[in-house]
């Protein structure tokens, strides 16, 4: 009698993402890390509670500000805005315009300098590159209060104090911006593309504008945002440099109102309403430029 061969056994392929030979069971539920989550929640509350207080306090009248529950909204926002607009013929909007000028132009110039410097440190090899970069990097460790007085003395020697330039010039070079520019250029710009551009006859300036800048765009947007926020919130430098309140940014202008509030408590509502309006441009800026961020800008461009 001839034996019948048994049919071959079919072995199913392991599921994607699993190791062959291991048991195939239902996926295990993910366990939430309670401690990191709690830390993040506490951090978010720590950052958002002051903003929530300003938003609520801006809706209260001067009497309700100190007599009602902290987070109980009021109905005086329209009156506060009217009073703020009428104060000294609307000087608050002059302060707002000055802040937009300082932060906007200063952030653009600082981003341009950071792009040039970061690209140069990342692409070119020259004598003294690392020591010079380390000297610039020490500026990250310097508190602004240490640099403010020397910067004022330099501006006084150049007869530039109490001018717009006295606030803008010290902000053009950002050590942290140069650091970010170099780190991002090293990670985003393949040297193969730079060498290919040189072989095709492109000059260094064209390579920088046509190849490097588009690839560095997300990093440059980040530098611009950091610098804009830093200059927008800057207080010490314009406080030292400026004497004419027509040139004050919003931070210094609101500080003068706060000092006067010790003798005129009604000005406290103007300070809080002005602080509330000062947050709006930052939120709008973030919402506008966040679409320029991209994590896979170079995806598939070059395979080394």
Protein backbone atom coordinates (compact mmCIF):
# COMPACT_ATOMS: atom_id res chain seq x y z
CA UNK A 1 0.00 0.00 0.00
CA UNK A 2 1.27 3.44 -0.81
CA UNK A 3 1.09 6.03 1.95
CA UNK A 4 -0.64 9.30 1.29
CA UNK A 5 1.59 12.35 1.92
CA UNK A 6 0.16 14.72 4.45
CA UNK A 7 -0.44 18.28 3.21
CA UNK A 8 2.22 20.80 4.26
CA UNK A 9 1.46 22.87 7.29
CA UNK A 10 0.92 26.57 6.66
CA UNK A 11 2.80 28.88 8.97
CA UNK A 12 1.31 32.32 9.20
CA UNK A 13 3.70 35.27 9.01
CA UNK A 14 4.20 37.21 12.21
CA UNK A 15 2.28 40.41 12.54
CA UNK A 16 4.00 43.58 11.50
CA UNK A 17 6.12 45.11 14.24
CA UNK A 18 6.50 41.82 16.19
CA UNK A 19 9.41 39.43 16.62
CA UNK A 20 9.13 35.98 14.94
CA UNK A 21 8.65 33.21 17.46
CA UNK A 22 6.81 35.32 20.02
CA UNK A 23 3.20 34.76 20.96
CA UNK A 24 0.71 36.78 18.98
CA UNK A 25 -1.87 38.09 21.39
CA UNK A 26 -4.04 41.16 21.73
CA UNK A 27 -2.06 44.41 22.12
CA UNK A 28 -1.38 45.36 25.68
CA UNK A 29 -3.04 48.54 26.86
CA UNK A 30 -0.64 51.40 27.31
CA UNK A 31 -0.09 52.49 30.85
CA UNK A 32 -0.08 56.21 31.39
CA UNK A 33 2.96 57.52 33.20
CA UNK A 34 1.24 59.31 36.05
CA UNK A 35 4.22 61.22 37.40
CA UNK A 36 5.29 62.86 34.09
CA UNK A 37 1.66 63.60 33.22
CA UNK A 38 1.05 65.19 36.61
CA UNK A 39 4.23 67.26 36.23
CA UNK A 40 3.11 68.49 32.80
CA UNK A 41 -0.35 69.37 34.11
CA UNK A 42 1.14 71.32 37.02
CA UNK A 43 3.50 73.11 34.65
CA UNK A 44 0.63 74.04 32.33
CA UNK A 45 -1.41 75.37 35.25
CA UNK A 46 1.58 77.35 36.50
CA UNK A 47 1.93 79.03 33.10
CA UNK A 48 -1.76 79.50 32.27
CA UNK A 49 -3.15 80.69 35.62
CA UNK A 50 -1.51 84.15 35.43
CA UNK A 51 -2.80 84.55 31.87
CA UNK A 52 -6.28 83.53 32.99
CA UNK A 53 -6.10 86.03 35.85
CA UNK A 54 -5.15 88.87 33.49
CA UNK A 55 -7.98 87.99 31.11
CA UNK A 56 -10.53 87.93 33.93
CA UNK A 57 -9.15 91.02 35.69
CA UNK A 58 -9.32 93.03 32.46
CA UNK A 59 -13.11 92.63 32.51
CA UNK A 60 -13.50 94.19 35.96
CA UNK A 61 -13.95 97.79 36.97
CA UNK A 62 -11.66 99.47 39.46
CA UNK A 63 -14.05 98.78 42.34
CA UNK A 64 -14.63 95.13 41.45
CA UNK A 65 -10.93 94.44 40.98
CA UNK A 66 -10.19 94.22 44.70
CA UNK A 67 -13.64 93.37 46.07
CA UNK A 68 -14.82 90.33 44.05
CA UNK A 69 -13.62 86.77 43.67
CA UNK A 70 -10.37 86.53 41.71
CA UNK A 71 -11.67 84.47 38.78
CA UNK A 72 -15.17 85.96 38.66
CA UNK A 73 -15.55 87.88 35.36
CA UNK A 74 -16.92 91.40 35.34
CA UNK A 75 -18.64 93.59 32.79
CA UNK A 76 -16.21 96.51 32.59
CA UNK A 77 -14.00 95.47 29.66
CA UNK A 78 -15.52 97.98 27.24
CA UNK A 79 -15.12 100.82 29.75
CA UNK A 80 -11.53 99.79 30.46
CA UNK A 81 -10.70 99.80 26.77
CA UNK A 82 -12.29 103.24 26.37
CA UNK A 83 -10.33 104.63 29.33
CA UNK A 84 -7.10 103.12 28.04
CA UNK A 85 -7.67 104.63 24.61
CA UNK A 86 -8.39 108.04 26.12
CA UNK A 87 -5.41 108.08 28.51
CA UNK A 88 -3.00 110.82 27.38
CA UNK A 89 -4.56 110.92 23.92
CA UNK A 90 -3.98 107.23 23.28
CA UNK A 91 -0.30 107.01 24.17
CA UNK A 92 -0.76 103.30 24.85
CA UNK A 93 -1.15 102.67 21.12
CA UNK A 94 2.08 104.59 20.57
CA UNK A 95 3.77 102.23 23.02
CA UNK A 96 2.20 99.29 21.21
CA UNK A 97 3.51 100.57 17.87
CA UNK A 98 6.98 101.03 19.34
CA UNK A 99 6.94 97.46 20.63
CA UNK A 100 5.91 96.15 17.20
CA UNK A 101 8.72 98.19 15.63
CA UNK A 102 11.40 97.08 18.09
CA UNK A 103 10.34 93.42 18.14
CA UNK A 104 9.57 93.09 14.42
CA UNK A 105 12.63 94.82 12.99
CA UNK A 106 14.93 93.52 15.73
CA UNK A 107 13.78 89.92 15.22
CA UNK A 108 14.22 90.16 11.44
CA UNK A 109 17.73 91.60 11.69
CA UNK A 110 18.72 89.11 14.38
CA UNK A 111 17.40 86.21 12.29
CA UNK A 112 19.38 87.38 9.25
CA UNK A 113 22.59 87.66 11.28
CA UNK A 114 21.95 84.26 12.89
CA UNK A 115 21.38 82.67 9.47
CA UNK A 116 24.64 84.07 8.07
CA UNK A 117 26.67 83.19 11.14
CA UNK A 118 25.13 79.74 11.65
CA UNK A 119 25.65 78.79 8.01
CA UNK A 120 29.26 79.99 8.06
CA UNK A 121 30.08 78.07 11.24
CA UNK A 122 28.41 74.92 9.92
CA UNK A 123 29.72 74.83 6.33
CA UNK A 124 33.09 76.55 6.24
CA UNK A 125 36.31 75.46 7.87
CA UNK A 126 38.56 78.33 8.94
CA UNK A 127 41.21 78.98 11.55
CA UNK A 128 39.83 79.85 14.96
CA UNK A 129 36.30 78.72 14.11
CA UNK A 130 35.65 76.81 17.34
CA UNK A 131 37.27 79.33 19.73
CA UNK A 132 35.35 82.17 18.09
CA UNK A 133 32.11 80.21 18.29
CA UNK A 134 32.76 79.45 21.96
CA UNK A 135 33.25 83.15 22.65
CA UNK A 136 29.87 83.90 21.06
CA UNK A 137 28.33 81.03 22.97
CA UNK A 138 29.40 82.52 26.31
CA UNK A 139 26.89 85.29 25.59
CA UNK A 140 24.12 82.77 26.22
CA UNK A 141 25.32 82.47 29.81
CA UNK A 142 25.45 86.23 30.37
CA UNK A 143 22.38 87.68 32.11
CA UNK A 144 21.06 90.80 30.36
CA UNK A 145 21.47 92.84 33.54
CA UNK A 146 25.25 92.42 33.30
CA UNK A 147 25.38 93.68 29.71
CA UNK A 148 22.90 96.55 30.05
CA UNK A 149 25.24 99.07 31.69
CA UNK A 150 28.19 98.47 29.29
CA UNK A 151 25.79 98.73 26.36
CA UNK A 152 24.47 102.01 27.72
CA UNK A 153 28.00 103.40 28.09
CA UNK A 154 28.84 102.41 24.51
CA UNK A 155 25.68 104.06 23.20
CA UNK A 156 26.44 107.17 25.25
CA UNK A 157 29.91 107.36 23.68
CA UNK A 158 28.29 107.16 20.24
CA UNK A 159 25.66 109.76 21.27
CA UNK A 160 22.86 107.31 20.49
CA UNK A 161 21.08 107.17 23.85
CA UNK A 162 17.37 107.99 23.88
CA UNK A 163 17.03 106.92 20.25
CA UNK A 164 15.40 103.98 18.54
CA UNK A 165 18.83 102.74 17.48
CA UNK A 166 19.96 102.45 21.10
CA UNK A 167 17.35 99.72 21.63
CA UNK A 168 17.73 98.01 18.24
CA UNK A 169 21.51 97.77 17.84
CA UNK A 170 22.23 95.64 20.95
CA UNK A 171 19.53 93.18 19.89
CA UNK A 172 20.84 92.39 16.41
CA UNK A 173 23.41 89.84 17.53
CA UNK A 174 21.78 87.01 19.47
CA UNK A 175 24.26 84.38 20.75
CA UNK A 176 21.44 81.89 21.20
CA UNK A 177 20.21 82.60 17.66
CA UNK A 178 23.69 81.99 16.25
CA UNK A 179 23.88 78.73 18.20
CA UNK A 180 20.50 77.55 16.87
CA UNK A 181 21.47 78.63 13.37
CA UNK A 182 24.63 76.54 13.41
CA UNK A 183 22.97 73.48 14.95
CA UNK A 184 20.12 73.56 12.47
CA UNK A 185 22.38 74.21 9.47
CA UNK A 186 24.58 71.25 10.38
CA UNK A 187 21.54 68.99 10.66
CA UNK A 188 19.53 70.28 7.68
CA UNK A 189 22.06 71.06 4.95
CA UNK A 190 23.79 68.02 3.39
CA UNK A 191 27.31 68.89 2.26
CA UNK A 192 26.61 66.82 -0.87
CA UNK A 193 24.16 69.47 -2.06
CA UNK A 194 26.61 72.27 -1.34
CA UNK A 195 29.37 70.48 -3.24
CA UNK A 196 26.97 69.72 -6.10
CA UNK A 197 26.09 73.40 -6.33
CA UNK A 198 29.75 74.35 -6.46
CA UNK A 199 30.41 71.78 -9.18
CA UNK A 200 27.54 73.24 -11.20
CA UNK A 201 29.22 76.65 -11.04
CA UNK A 202 26.97 78.30 -8.46
CA UNK A 203 28.60 80.93 -6.29
CA UNK A 204 28.60 80.82 -2.50
CA UNK A 205 25.99 83.55 -2.26
CA UNK A 206 23.64 81.72 -4.63
CA UNK A 207 24.16 78.43 -2.80
CA UNK A 208 23.25 80.14 0.46
CA UNK A 209 20.09 81.76 -0.92
CA UNK A 210 18.84 78.94 -3.17
CA UNK A 211 19.89 75.85 -1.18
CA UNK A 212 20.69 76.73 2.43
CA UNK A 213 17.95 79.23 3.28
CA UNK A 214 15.00 77.03 2.14
CA UNK A 215 16.39 74.11 4.11
CA UNK A 216 17.01 76.28 7.18
CA UNK A 217 13.54 77.87 6.99
CA UNK A 218 11.96 76.02 9.98
CA UNK A 219 14.99 76.82 12.14
CA UNK A 220 14.96 80.47 11.07
CA UNK A 221 11.27 80.75 11.88
CA UNK A 222 12.04 79.40 15.34
CA UNK A 223 14.82 81.94 15.81
CA UNK A 224 12.51 84.74 14.66
CA UNK A 225 9.81 83.69 17.10
CA UNK A 226 12.20 83.42 20.04
CA UNK A 227 13.72 86.81 19.27
CA UNK A 228 10.37 88.49 18.74
CA UNK A 229 9.06 87.26 22.08
CA UNK A 230 12.31 88.17 23.87
CA UNK A 231 12.36 91.71 22.45
CA UNK A 232 8.62 92.16 22.98
CA UNK A 233 9.01 91.33 26.67
CA UNK A 234 12.31 93.20 27.07
CA UNK A 235 12.19 95.78 29.83
CA UNK A 236 15.65 96.54 31.19
CA UNK A 237 17.39 97.68 28.00
CA UNK A 238 14.78 100.25 26.86
CA UNK A 239 14.27 101.35 30.47
CA UNK A 240 17.97 102.27 30.67
CA UNK A 241 18.39 103.62 27.15
CA UNK A 242 15.25 105.74 26.73
CA UNK A 243 14.12 108.88 28.49
CA UNK A 244 11.36 110.11 26.18
CA UNK A 245 8.13 108.26 26.91
CA UNK A 246 7.09 108.70 23.27
CA UNK A 247 9.76 106.11 22.42
CA UNK A 248 8.86 103.69 25.20
CA UNK A 249 7.85 100.13 24.32
CA UNK A 250 4.81 98.70 26.01
CA UNK A 251 6.73 97.10 28.89
CA UNK A 252 8.28 100.37 30.03
CA UNK A 253 5.10 102.34 29.38
CA UNK A 254 2.99 100.00 31.51
CA UNK A 255 5.64 100.16 34.24
CA UNK A 256 5.28 103.94 34.39
CA UNK A 257 1.52 103.51 34.71
CA UNK A 258 2.03 100.98 37.48
CA UNK A 259 4.22 103.40 39.43
CA UNK A 260 1.57 106.10 39.13
CA UNK A 261 -1.04 103.61 40.34
CA UNK A 262 0.36 103.90 43.87
CA UNK A 263 -1.18 107.39 44.06
CA UNK A 264 -3.98 106.82 41.51
CA UNK A 265 -5.49 103.34 42.05
CA UNK A 266 -7.78 103.84 39.06
CA UNK A 267 -4.76 103.33 36.79
CA UNK A 268 -4.44 99.70 37.87
CA UNK A 269 -7.27 98.73 35.55
CA UNK A 270 -5.47 100.45 32.67
CA UNK A 271 -2.28 98.50 33.44
CA UNK A 272 -4.14 95.18 33.53
CA UNK A 273 -6.10 95.93 30.36
CA UNK A 274 -2.90 96.98 28.61
CA UNK A 275 -1.18 93.76 29.73
CA UNK A 276 -4.13 91.77 28.39
CA UNK A 277 -3.88 93.47 24.99
CA UNK A 278 -0.11 92.89 24.96
CA UNK A 279 -0.65 89.12 24.89
CA UNK A 280 -2.89 89.21 21.82
CA UNK A 281 -0.15 89.99 19.22
CA UNK A 282 2.02 87.15 20.52
CA UNK A 283 -0.82 84.65 20.20
CA UNK A 284 -1.66 85.93 16.72
CA UNK A 285 1.99 85.70 15.65
CA UNK A 286 2.29 82.12 16.83
CA UNK A 287 -0.89 81.10 15.03
CA UNK A 288 0.29 82.73 11.81
CA UNK A 289 3.81 81.33 11.62
CA UNK A 290 3.26 77.87 13.07
CA UNK A 291 2.35 76.54 9.62
CA UNK A 292 5.90 77.24 8.47
CA UNK A 293 7.28 74.62 10.83
CA UNK A 294 7.95 71.28 9.18
CA UNK A 295 9.74 68.23 10.54
CA UNK A 296 10.33 66.41 7.25
CA UNK A 297 11.51 69.23 5.03
CA UNK A 298 14.46 67.18 3.75
CA UNK A 299 12.62 63.87 3.60
CA UNK A 300 14.06 61.92 0.66
CA UNK A 301 16.21 64.79 -0.60
CA UNK A 302 19.59 63.12 -0.16
CA UNK A 303 20.62 59.63 0.82
CA UNK A 304 24.20 59.55 2.00
